[in-house]
Amino acid sequence: MSETEVMVSSEALPETLAPAPEVGHLDRKRRDAETVFHVNHLSFYYGDFQALRDVSIDIGRHEITSLIGPSGCGKSTFLRCLNRMNDLIPGIRVDGLVQYHGQNLYEPAVDAIEVRRRIGMVFQKANPFPKSIYDNVAYGPRIHGVRGSELEGVVEASLRQAALWEEVKGKLKQSAYSLSGGQQQRLCIARAIAVKPDVILMDEPCSALDPVATIRIEELMLHLTEQYTIVIVTHNMQQAARVSDRTAFFTTEVTGEGDRTGILVEVDRTAQIFSTPSDRRTEDYITGRFG
């Protein structure tokens, strides 16, 4: 299914919510955080191959949720289920429920393009457009009709939120490719922010970055949770422990036909997952005994 196949009004989606109060990451005690995503018995198929089986999880507002687990366990597939990016792949099938603020995202009346505006994504490798720094950030707002001084304000505000403005304000007309890898990734975050999403999905956003750039991105994520909900796929256990409020551990199981399918083993507060997980498979993975 392509983006152009779904052209129904976005009225089926809930209104974007107001920003949360400013609070520090270590002071957040959101055990009863408002649910942004409610996923129930989700199974996902690429043709006849089942990539995910029976995944159920709630994701809280203004929290960072880390998805961890060995390669091939369906973490990135699950992440793309949250904003219907998988719709662009021929032959996929989704069973179960994915609710966003109470709305089933896979109902026919829901506009997939609007879903992706509300729920932005930052990919593993920085992918700036072959345009100027300014035009990268302005691209989405322009599509939505923003022009003139308002557009300039959106670009500046987005670059400030992405902690990039001071580094690029004097060279906005230069190519985005002139930036370092870490700067390009922050530019992609600014581009995602520019269309005013509610949620930011990040698929291993630091895997290609050096330790200094990684720390900058992690600090940025902690800052962004004041306004956004973040879900991140990471293979870096230390990163998950540093930045996330909750952590979900995925692994694979062998089916009766000999195929491997991804399952969610457990999800809990990050401190609990890394100290006393409830499942031995989680403990084995975190301590390096498998995976």
C-alpha atoms as a PDB file:
ATOM      1  CA  MET A   1       0.000   0.000   0.000  1.00  0.00           C
ATOM      2  CA  SER A   2       1.394   3.430  -0.913  1.00  0.00           C
ATOM      3  CA  GLU A   3       0.876   6.735   0.865  1.00  0.00           C
ATOM      4  CA  THR A   4      -1.366   7.939  -1.939  1.00  0.00           C
ATOM      5  CA  GLU A   5      -3.797   5.070  -1.504  1.00  0.00           C
ATOM      6  CA  VAL A   6      -5.095   6.495   1.783  1.00  0.00           C
ATOM      7  CA  MET A   7      -6.539   9.983   1.303  1.00  0.00           C
ATOM      8  CA  VAL A   8      -9.235  10.132   3.998  1.00  0.00           C
ATOM      9  CA  SER A   9      -9.507  13.152   6.312  1.00  0.00           C
ATOM     10  CA  SER A  10      -7.355  13.222   9.442  1.00  0.00           C
ATOM     11  CA  GLU A  11     -10.408  14.047  11.569  1.00  0.00           C
ATOM     12  CA  ALA A  12     -10.420  10.452  12.801  1.00  0.00           C
ATOM     13  CA  LEU A  13      -7.226  11.186  14.717  1.00  0.00           C
ATOM     14  CA  PRO A  14      -7.241  12.919  18.115  1.00  0.00           C
ATOM     15  CA  GLU A  15      -5.997  16.478  18.507  1.00  0.00           C
ATOM     16  CA  THR A  16      -2.303  16.958  19.306  1.00  0.00           C
ATOM     17  CA  LEU A  17      -1.870  17.345  23.047  1.00  0.00           C
ATOM     18  CA  ALA A  18      -0.334  20.297  24.849  1.00  0.00           C
ATOM     19  CA  PRO A  19       3.294  20.131  26.053  1.00  0.00           C
ATOM     20  CA  ALA A  20       3.984  18.639  29.458  1.00  0.00           C
ATOM     21  CA  PRO A  21       5.374  20.733  32.327  1.00  0.00           C
ATOM     22  CA  GLU A  22       9.142  21.162  32.319  1.00  0.00           C
ATOM     23  CA  VAL A  23      10.671  18.478  34.527  1.00  0.00           C
ATOM     24  CA  GLY A  24      14.063  16.831  34.817  1.00  0.00           C
ATOM     25  CA  HIS A  25      14.583  13.275  33.596  1.00  0.00           C
ATOM     26  CA  LEU A  26      15.700  11.952  36.981  1.00  0.00           C
ATOM     27  CA  ASP A  27      12.696  13.517  38.713  1.00  0.00           C
ATOM     28  CA  ARG A  28      10.091  11.949  36.432  1.00  0.00           C
ATOM     29  CA  LYS A  29       7.955   9.431  38.298  1.00  0.00           C
ATOM     30  CA  ARG A  30       5.369   8.788  35.605  1.00  0.00           C
ATOM     31  CA  ARG A  31       4.240   5.349  36.707  1.00  0.00           C
ATOM     32  CA  ASP A  32       0.732   6.434  35.749  1.00  0.00           C
ATOM     33  CA  ALA A  33       1.728   8.324  32.593  1.00  0.00           C
ATOM     34  CA  GLU A  34      -1.085   8.886  30.143  1.00  0.00           C
ATOM     35  CA  THR A  35      -1.090   6.154  27.512  1.00  0.00           C
ATOM     36  CA  VAL A  36      -0.120   7.311  24.014  1.00  0.00           C
ATOM     37  CA  PHE A  37       0.048   3.870  22.370  1.00  0.00           C
ATOM     38  CA  HIS A  38      -1.975   0.858  23.434  1.00  0.00           C
ATOM     39  CA  VAL A  39      -0.846  -2.212  21.480  1.00  0.00           C
ATOM     40  CA  ASN A  40      -2.779  -5.438  22.033  1.00  0.00           C
ATOM     41  CA  HIS A  41      -2.012  -8.861  20.523  1.00  0.00           C
ATOM     42  CA  LEU A  42      -0.169  -7.376  17.550  1.00  0.00           C
ATOM     43  CA  SER A  43       1.101  -9.842  14.948  1.00  0.00           C
ATOM     44  CA  PHE A  44       2.868  -8.759  11.781  1.00  0.00           C
ATOM     45  CA  TYR A  45       3.556 -10.616   8.544  1.00  0.00           C
ATOM     46  CA  TYR A  46       5.795 -10.066   5.525  1.00  0.00           C
ATOM     47  CA  GLY A  47       3.864 -12.224   3.097  1.00  0.00           C
ATOM     48  CA  ASP A  48       3.772 -15.695   4.663  1.00  0.00           C
ATOM     49  CA  PHE A  49       6.583 -14.911   7.114  1.00  0.00           C
ATOM     50  CA  GLN A  50       5.473 -13.900  10.612  1.00  0.00           C
ATOM     51  CA  ALA A  51       7.915 -11.292  11.912  1.00  0.00           C
ATOM     52  CA  LEU A  52       6.079 -10.514  15.180  1.00  0.00           C
ATOM     53  CA  ARG A  53       3.674 -12.547  17.280  1.00  0.00           C
ATOM     54  CA  ASP A  54       1.208 -11.428  19.944  1.00  0.00           C
ATOM     55  CA  VAL A  55       2.893  -8.206  21.104  1.00  0.00           C
ATOM     56  CA  SER A  56       1.051  -6.233  23.796  1.00  0.00           C
ATOM     57  CA  ILE A  57       2.486  -3.038  25.304  1.00  0.00           C
ATOM     58  CA  ASP A  58       1.428   0.416  26.517  1.00  0.00           C
ATOM     59  CA  ILE A  59       3.685   3.412  25.865  1.00  0.00           C
ATOM     60  CA  GLY A  60       3.347   6.454  28.129  1.00  0.00           C
ATOM     61  CA  ARG A  61       3.233  10.127  27.228  1.00  0.00           C
ATOM     62  CA  HIS A  62       6.460  12.156  27.582  1.00  0.00           C
ATOM     63  CA  GLU A  63       8.487   9.062  28.333  1.00  0.00           C
ATOM     64  CA  ILE A  64      11.395   7.440  26.501  1.00  0.00           C
ATOM     65  CA  THR A  65      10.711   3.775  25.818  1.00  0.00           C
ATOM     66  CA  SER A  66      13.685   1.702  24.647  1.00  0.00           C
ATOM     67  CA  LEU A  67      13.225  -1.449  22.569  1.00  0.00           C
ATOM     68  CA  ILE A  68      16.131  -3.859  23.041  1.00  0.00           C
ATOM     69  CA  GLY A  69      16.865  -7.400  21.883  1.00  0.00           C
ATOM     70  CA  PRO A  70      19.015  -9.417  19.461  1.00  0.00           C
ATOM     71  CA  SER A  71      19.141  -8.677  15.744  1.00  0.00           C
ATOM     72  CA  GLY A  72      16.181 -10.048  13.800  1.00  0.00           C
ATOM     73  CA  CYS A  73      13.719 -10.058  16.695  1.00  0.00           C
ATOM     74  CA  GLY A  74      11.376  -7.496  15.088  1.00  0.00           C
ATOM     75  CA  LYS A  75      12.212  -4.328  17.055  1.00  0.00           C
ATOM     76  CA  SER A  76      12.408  -2.089  14.000  1.00  0.00           C
ATOM     77  CA  THR A  77       9.371  -3.766  12.442  1.00  0.00           C
ATOM     78  CA  PHE A  78       7.415  -3.044  15.611  1.00  0.00           C
ATOM     79  CA  LEU A  79       8.637   0.563  15.653  1.00  0.00           C
ATOM     80  CA  ARG A  80       7.394   1.077  12.079  1.00  0.00           C
ATOM     81  CA  CYS A  81       4.011  -0.391  13.031  1.00  0.00           C
ATOM     82  CA  LEU A  82       3.525   2.641  15.293  1.00  0.00           C
ATOM     83  CA  ASN A  83       3.398   5.091  12.369  1.00  0.00           C
ATOM     84  CA  ARG A  84       2.400   2.745   9.541  1.00  0.00           C
ATOM     85  CA  MET A  85       5.725   2.990   7.721  1.00  0.00           C
ATOM     86  CA  ASN A  86       5.382  -0.725   6.982  1.00  0.00           C
ATOM     87  CA  ASP A  87       2.380   0.088   4.765  1.00  0.00           C
ATOM     88  CA  LEU A  88       4.885   1.068   2.073  1.00  0.00           C
ATOM     89  CA  ILE A  89       6.126  -2.550   1.814  1.00  0.00           C
ATOM     90  CA  PRO A  90       4.115  -4.806  -0.541  1.00  0.00           C
ATOM     91  CA  GLY A  91       2.503  -7.903   0.938  1.00  0.00           C
ATOM     92  CA  ILE A  92       2.498  -6.966   4.620  1.00  0.00           C
ATOM     93  CA  ARG A  93      -0.343  -7.830   7.004  1.00  0.00           C
ATOM     94  CA  VAL A  94      -1.133  -6.523  10.479  1.00  0.00           C
ATOM     95  CA  ASP A  95      -3.325  -8.376  12.978  1.00  0.00           C
ATOM     96  CA  GLY A  96      -4.291  -7.074  16.407  1.00  0.00           C
ATOM     97  CA  LEU A  97      -4.788  -3.561  17.760  1.00  0.00           C
ATOM     98  CA  VAL A  98      -2.553  -0.473  17.596  1.00  0.00           C
ATOM     99  CA  GLN A  99      -4.265   2.475  19.291  1.00  0.00           C
ATOM    100  CA  TYR A 100      -2.871   6.022  19.368  1.00  0.00           C
ATOM    101  CA  HIS A 101      -4.652   8.165  21.973  1.00  0.00           C
ATOM    102  CA  GLY A 102      -7.519   5.677  21.771  1.00  0.00           C
ATOM    103  CA  GLN A 103      -7.789   5.684  17.949  1.00  0.00           C
ATOM    104  CA  ASN A 104      -7.110   2.472  16.032  1.00  0.00           C
ATOM    105  CA  LEU A 105      -4.388   3.530  13.575  1.00  0.00           C
ATOM    106  CA  TYR A 106      -5.256   0.761  11.127  1.00  0.00           C
ATOM    107  CA  GLU A 107      -8.906   1.636  10.606  1.00  0.00           C
ATOM    108  CA  PRO A 108      -9.643   2.411   6.933  1.00  0.00           C
ATOM    109  CA  ALA A 109     -10.800   5.951   7.778  1.00  0.00           C
ATOM    110  CA  VAL A 110      -7.397   6.934   9.199  1.00  0.00           C
ATOM    111  CA  ASP A 111      -5.083   8.897   6.880  1.00  0.00           C
ATOM    112  CA  ALA A 112      -1.665   7.182   6.946  1.00  0.00           C
ATOM    113  CA  ILE A 113       0.076  10.376   5.794  1.00  0.00           C
ATOM    114  CA  GLU A 114      -1.367  12.310   8.730  1.00  0.00           C
ATOM    115  CA  VAL A 115      -0.310   9.466  11.043  1.00  0.00           C
ATOM    116  CA  ARG A 116       3.296   9.920   9.882  1.00  0.00           C
ATOM    117  CA  ARG A 117       3.090  13.656  10.472  1.00  0.00           C
ATOM    118  CA  ARG A 118       1.878  13.156  14.037  1.00  0.00           C
ATOM    119  CA  ILE A 119       4.341  10.299  14.634  1.00  0.00           C
ATOM    120  CA  GLY A 120       7.695  11.225  13.108  1.00  0.00           C
ATOM    121  CA  MET A 121      10.692   8.973  12.555  1.00  0.00           C
ATOM    122  CA  VAL A 122      14.471   9.340  12.705  1.00  0.00           C
ATOM    123  CA  PHE A 123      16.371   6.546  10.984  1.00  0.00           C
ATOM    124  CA  GLN A 124      19.519   4.610  11.810  1.00  0.00           C
ATOM    125  CA  LYS A 125      21.678   6.468   9.301  1.00  0.00           C
ATOM    126  CA  ALA A 126      21.288  10.215   8.984  1.00  0.00           C
ATOM    127  CA  ASN A 127      19.423  10.854   5.733  1.00  0.00           C
ATOM    128  CA  PRO A 128      19.373  14.587   5.019  1.00  0.00           C
ATOM    129  CA  PHE A 129      17.860  15.654   1.713  1.00  0.00           C
ATOM    130  CA  PRO A 130      20.287  16.881  -0.988  1.00  0.00           C
ATOM    131  CA  LYS A 131      19.304  20.438  -0.126  1.00  0.00           C
ATOM    132  CA  SER A 132      20.535  23.247   2.086  1.00  0.00           C
ATOM    133  CA  ILE A 133      20.372  23.046   5.867  1.00  0.00           C
ATOM    134  CA  TYR A 134      17.497  25.540   5.797  1.00  0.00           C
ATOM    135  CA  ASP A 135      15.538  23.703   3.109  1.00  0.00           C
ATOM    136  CA  ASN A 136      15.867  20.380   4.942  1.00  0.00           C
ATOM    137  CA  VAL A 137      14.049  21.782   7.965  1.00  0.00           C
ATOM    138  CA  ALA A 138      11.629  23.881   5.894  1.00  0.00           C
ATOM    139  CA  TYR A 139      10.592  20.982   3.658  1.00  0.00           C
ATOM    140  CA  GLY A 140       7.742  19.623   5.793  1.00  0.00           C
ATOM    141  CA  PRO A 141       6.285  22.977   6.901  1.00  0.00           C
ATOM    142  CA  ARG A 142       6.248  24.170   3.285  1.00  0.00           C
ATOM    143  CA  ILE A 143       4.177  21.154   2.289  1.00  0.00           C
ATOM    144  CA  HIS A 144       1.687  22.196   4.977  1.00  0.00           C
ATOM    145  CA  GLY A 145       1.505  25.755   3.637  1.00  0.00           C
ATOM    146  CA  VAL A 146       3.852  27.596   5.995  1.00  0.00           C
ATOM    147  CA  ARG A 147       5.538  30.558   4.279  1.00  0.00           C
ATOM    148  CA  GLY A 148       7.497  33.753   4.865  1.00  0.00           C
ATOM    149  CA  SER A 149       8.505  34.911   8.335  1.00  0.00           C
ATOM    150  CA  GLU A 150       6.463  32.124   9.933  1.00  0.00           C
ATOM    151  CA  LEU A 151       8.563  29.551   8.069  1.00  0.00           C
ATOM    152  CA  GLU A 152      11.780  31.243   9.164  1.00  0.00           C
ATOM    153  CA  GLY A 153      10.561  31.092  12.750  1.00  0.00           C
ATOM    154  CA  VAL A 154       9.721  27.396  12.475  1.00  0.00           C
ATOM    155  CA  VAL A 155      13.165  26.603  11.037  1.00  0.00           C
ATOM    156  CA  GLU A 156      14.971  28.502  13.783  1.00  0.00           C
ATOM    157  CA  ALA A 157      12.815  27.037  16.561  1.00  0.00           C
ATOM    158  CA  SER A 158      13.288  23.494  15.244  1.00  0.00           C
ATOM    159  CA  LEU A 159      17.060  23.876  14.976  1.00  0.00           C
ATOM    160  CA  ARG A 160      17.147  25.309  18.503  1.00  0.00           C
ATOM    161  CA  GLN A 161      15.139  22.369  19.828  1.00  0.00           C
ATOM    162  CA  ALA A 162      17.572  20.021  18.115  1.00  0.00           C
ATOM    163  CA  ALA A 163      20.510  21.843  19.771  1.00  0.00           C
ATOM    164  CA  LEU A 164      21.921  22.749  16.352  1.00  0.00           C
ATOM    165  CA  TRP A 165      21.056  26.431  15.825  1.00  0.00           C
ATOM    166  CA  GLU A 166      24.252  27.931  17.268  1.00  0.00           C
ATOM    167  CA  GLU A 167      26.364  25.652  15.069  1.00  0.00           C
ATOM    168  CA  VAL A 168      24.590  26.358  11.769  1.00  0.00           C
ATOM    169  CA  LYS A 169      22.903  29.769  12.026  1.00  0.00           C
ATOM    170  CA  GLY A 170      25.600  31.385   9.876  1.00  0.00           C
ATOM    171  CA  LYS A 171      25.506  28.771   7.109  1.00  0.00           C
ATOM    172  CA  LEU A 172      21.862  27.869   6.590  1.00  0.00           C
ATOM    173  CA  LYS A 173      22.239  28.005   2.816  1.00  0.00           C
ATOM    174  CA  GLN A 174      25.090  25.486   2.783  1.00  0.00           C
ATOM    175  CA  SER A 175      24.487  21.861   1.837  1.00  0.00           C
ATOM    176  CA  ALA A 176      23.301  19.589   4.624  1.00  0.00           C
ATOM    177  CA  TYR A 177      26.049  17.209   3.514  1.00  0.00           C
ATOM    178  CA  SER A 178      28.651  19.708   4.774  1.00  0.00           C
ATOM    179  CA  LEU A 179      27.687  18.808   8.356  1.00  0.00           C
ATOM    180  CA  SER A 180      29.311  16.074  10.437  1.00  0.00           C
ATOM    181  CA  GLY A 181      27.501  12.786  11.014  1.00  0.00           C
ATOM    182  CA  GLY A 182      26.256  13.826  14.434  1.00  0.00           C
ATOM    183  CA  GLN A 183      25.122  17.203  13.128  1.00  0.00           C
ATOM    184  CA  GLN A 184      23.309  15.532  10.231  1.00  0.00           C
ATOM    185  CA  GLN A 185      21.438  13.315  12.683  1.00  0.00           C
ATOM    186  CA  ARG A 186      20.421  16.341  14.748  1.00  0.00           C
ATOM    187  CA  LEU A 187      19.342  18.032  11.509  1.00  0.00           C
ATOM    188  CA  CYS A 188      17.104  15.038  10.774  1.00  0.00           C
ATOM    189  CA  ILE A 189      15.637  15.406  14.277  1.00  0.00           C
ATOM    190  CA  ALA A 190      15.015  19.105  13.579  1.00  0.00           C
ATOM    191  CA  ARG A 191      13.328  18.152  10.306  1.00  0.00           C
ATOM    192  CA  ALA A 192      11.046  15.751  12.184  1.00  0.00           C
ATOM    193  CA  ILE A 193      10.237  18.357  14.842  1.00  0.00           C
ATOM    194  CA  ALA A 194       9.427  21.048  12.259  1.00  0.00           C
ATOM    195  CA  VAL A 195       6.025  19.535  11.409  1.00  0.00           C
ATOM    196  CA  LYS A 196       5.054  19.560  15.098  1.00  0.00           C
ATOM    197  CA  PRO A 197       4.644  15.848  15.797  1.00  0.00           C
ATOM    198  CA  ASP A 198       3.375  14.338  19.020  1.00  0.00           C
ATOM    199  CA  VAL A 199       5.730  11.335  18.976  1.00  0.00           C
ATOM    200  CA  ILE A 200       9.273  10.776  17.685  1.00  0.00           C
ATOM    201  CA  LEU A 201      10.353   7.260  16.746  1.00  0.00           C
ATOM    202  CA  MET A 202      14.115   6.624  16.569  1.00  0.00           C
ATOM    203  CA  ASP A 203      15.591   3.523  14.937  1.00  0.00           C
ATOM    204  CA  GLU A 204      19.134   3.123  16.306  1.00  0.00           C
ATOM    205  CA  PRO A 205      19.854   6.850  15.841  1.00  0.00           C
ATOM    206  CA  CYS A 206      23.372   6.643  17.312  1.00  0.00           C
ATOM    207  CA  SER A 207      24.677   3.422  15.759  1.00  0.00           C
ATOM    208  CA  ALA A 208      26.832   5.265  13.189  1.00  0.00           C
ATOM    209  CA  LEU A 209      28.037   8.000  15.568  1.00  0.00           C
ATOM    210  CA  ASP A 210      31.134   8.391  17.705  1.00  0.00           C
ATOM    211  CA  PRO A 211      30.800   8.484  21.531  1.00  0.00           C
ATOM    212  CA  VAL A 212      30.799  12.304  21.714  1.00  0.00           C
ATOM    213  CA  ALA A 213      28.050  12.656  19.105  1.00  0.00           C
ATOM    214  CA  THR A 214      26.130   9.840  20.813  1.00  0.00           C
ATOM    215  CA  ILE A 215      26.130  11.705  24.121  1.00  0.00           C
ATOM    216  CA  ARG A 216      24.867  14.845  22.351  1.00  0.00           C
ATOM    217  CA  ILE A 217      21.943  12.887  20.872  1.00  0.00           C
ATOM    218  CA  GLU A 218      21.154  11.288  24.241  1.00  0.00           C
ATOM    219  CA  GLU A 219      21.147  14.668  25.981  1.00  0.00           C
ATOM    220  CA  LEU A 220      18.888  15.955  23.224  1.00  0.00           C
ATOM    221  CA  MET A 221      16.441  13.060  23.692  1.00  0.00           C
ATOM    222  CA  LEU A 222      16.179  13.775  27.416  1.00  0.00           C
ATOM    223  CA  HIS A 223      15.437  17.425  26.651  1.00  0.00           C
ATOM    224  CA  LEU A 224      12.870  16.595  23.975  1.00  0.00           C
ATOM    225  CA  THR A 225      10.744  14.498  26.335  1.00  0.00           C
ATOM    226  CA  GLU A 226       9.524  17.756  27.832  1.00  0.00           C
ATOM    227  CA  GLN A 227       7.412  18.061  24.677  1.00  0.00           C
ATOM    228  CA  TYR A 228       7.432  14.695  22.906  1.00  0.00           C
ATOM    229  CA  THR A 229       6.984  11.007  23.515  1.00  0.00           C
ATOM    230  CA  ILE A 230      10.023   9.040  22.254  1.00  0.00           C
ATOM    231  CA  VAL A 231      10.359   5.380  21.324  1.00  0.00           C
ATOM    232  CA  ILE A 232      13.879   4.221  20.466  1.00  0.00           C
ATOM    233  CA  VAL A 233      15.362   0.998  19.119  1.00  0.00           C
ATOM    234  CA  THR A 234      18.883   0.481  20.448  1.00  0.00           C
ATOM    235  CA  HIS A 235      21.470  -2.300  20.691  1.00  0.00           C
ATOM    236  CA  ASN A 236      23.409  -0.244  23.234  1.00  0.00           C
ATOM    237  CA  MET A 237      22.468  -1.490  26.699  1.00  0.00           C
ATOM    238  CA  GLN A 238      24.214   1.443  28.381  1.00  0.00           C
ATOM    239  CA  GLN A 239      22.237   3.854  26.232  1.00  0.00           C
ATOM    240  CA  ALA A 240      18.935   2.220  27.148  1.00  0.00           C
ATOM    241  CA  ALA A 241      19.881   2.368  30.826  1.00  0.00           C
ATOM    242  CA  ARG A 242      20.931   6.033  30.586  1.00  0.00           C
ATOM    243  CA  VAL A 243      18.025   7.559  28.729  1.00  0.00           C
ATOM    244  CA  SER A 244      14.869   5.462  28.954  1.00  0.00           C
ATOM    245  CA  ASP A 245      12.028   5.493  31.446  1.00  0.00           C
ATOM    246  CA  ARG A 246      10.800   2.063  30.337  1.00  0.00           C
ATOM    247  CA  THR A 247      12.512  -0.759  28.465  1.00  0.00           C
ATOM    248  CA  ALA A 248      10.935  -3.546  26.406  1.00  0.00           C
ATOM    249  CA  PHE A 249      12.922  -6.706  25.652  1.00  0.00           C
ATOM    250  CA  PHE A 250      12.209  -8.584  22.423  1.00  0.00           C
ATOM    251  CA  THR A 251      13.641 -11.921  21.360  1.00  0.00           C
ATOM    252  CA  THR A 252      12.951 -14.640  18.798  1.00  0.00           C
ATOM    253  CA  GLU A 253      11.270 -18.021  19.079  1.00  0.00           C
ATOM    254  CA  VAL A 254      11.432 -20.879  16.598  1.00  0.00           C
ATOM    255  CA  THR A 255       8.053 -21.764  15.099  1.00  0.00           C
ATOM    256  CA  GLY A 256       6.834 -25.251  14.283  1.00  0.00           C
ATOM    257  CA  GLU A 257       7.932 -24.685  10.674  1.00  0.00           C
ATOM    258  CA  GLY A 258      11.463 -23.793  11.771  1.00  0.00           C
ATOM    259  CA  ASP A 259      11.112 -20.044  11.173  1.00  0.00           C
ATOM    260  CA  ARG A 260      12.069 -17.458  13.766  1.00  0.00           C
ATOM    261  CA  THR A 261       9.456 -14.943  14.865  1.00  0.00           C
ATOM    262  CA  GLY A 262       9.814 -11.955  17.178  1.00  0.00           C
ATOM    263  CA  ILE A 263       8.083 -11.836  20.547  1.00  0.00           C
ATOM    264  CA  LEU A 264       7.963  -9.334  23.399  1.00  0.00           C
ATOM    265  CA  VAL A 265       9.318 -11.036  26.523  1.00  0.00           C
ATOM    266  CA  GLU A 266       8.693  -8.266  29.055  1.00  0.00           C
ATOM    267  CA  VAL A 267       8.437  -4.509  29.517  1.00  0.00           C
ATOM    268  CA  ASP A 268       8.992  -2.609  32.769  1.00  0.00           C
ATOM    269  CA  ARG A 269      10.624   0.430  34.310  1.00  0.00           C
ATOM    270  CA  THR A 270      14.198   0.554  33.058  1.00  0.00           C
ATOM    271  CA  ALA A 271      15.702   0.261  36.532  1.00  0.00           C
ATOM    272  CA  GLN A 272      13.681  -2.906  37.096  1.00  0.00           C
ATOM    273  CA  ILE A 273      14.647  -4.452  33.758  1.00  0.00           C
ATOM    274  CA  PHE A 274      18.354  -3.875  34.371  1.00  0.00           C
ATOM    275  CA  SER A 275      18.383  -4.913  38.038  1.00  0.00           C
ATOM    276  CA  THR A 276      15.784  -7.625  38.563  1.00  0.00           C
ATOM    277  CA  PRO A 277      14.047  -8.600  35.316  1.00  0.00           C
ATOM    278  CA  SER A 278      11.173 -11.032  35.691  1.00  0.00           C
ATOM    279  CA  ASP A 279      12.255 -13.358  32.870  1.00  0.00           C
ATOM    280  CA  ARG A 280      15.521 -15.302  32.725  1.00  0.00           C
ATOM    281  CA  ARG A 281      15.834 -14.597  28.985  1.00  0.00           C
ATOM    282  CA  THR A 282      15.997 -10.867  29.692  1.00  0.00           C
ATOM    283  CA  GLU A 283      18.679 -11.338  32.310  1.00  0.00           C
ATOM    284  CA  ASP A 284      20.718 -13.550  29.974  1.00  0.00           C
ATOM    285  CA  TYR A 285      20.572 -10.950  27.216  1.00  0.00           C
ATOM    286  CA  ILE A 286      21.451  -7.977  29.426  1.00  0.00           C
ATOM    287  CA  THR A 287      24.366  -9.806  31.017  1.00  0.00           C
ATOM    288  CA  GLY A 288      25.692 -10.962  27.637  1.00  0.00           C
ATOM    289  CA  ARG A 289      24.974 -14.665  27.995  1.00  0.00           C
ATOM    290  CA  PHE A 290      23.165 -14.660  24.666  1.00  0.00           C
ATOM    291  CA  GLY A 291      22.343 -12.300  21.812  1.00  0.00           C
END
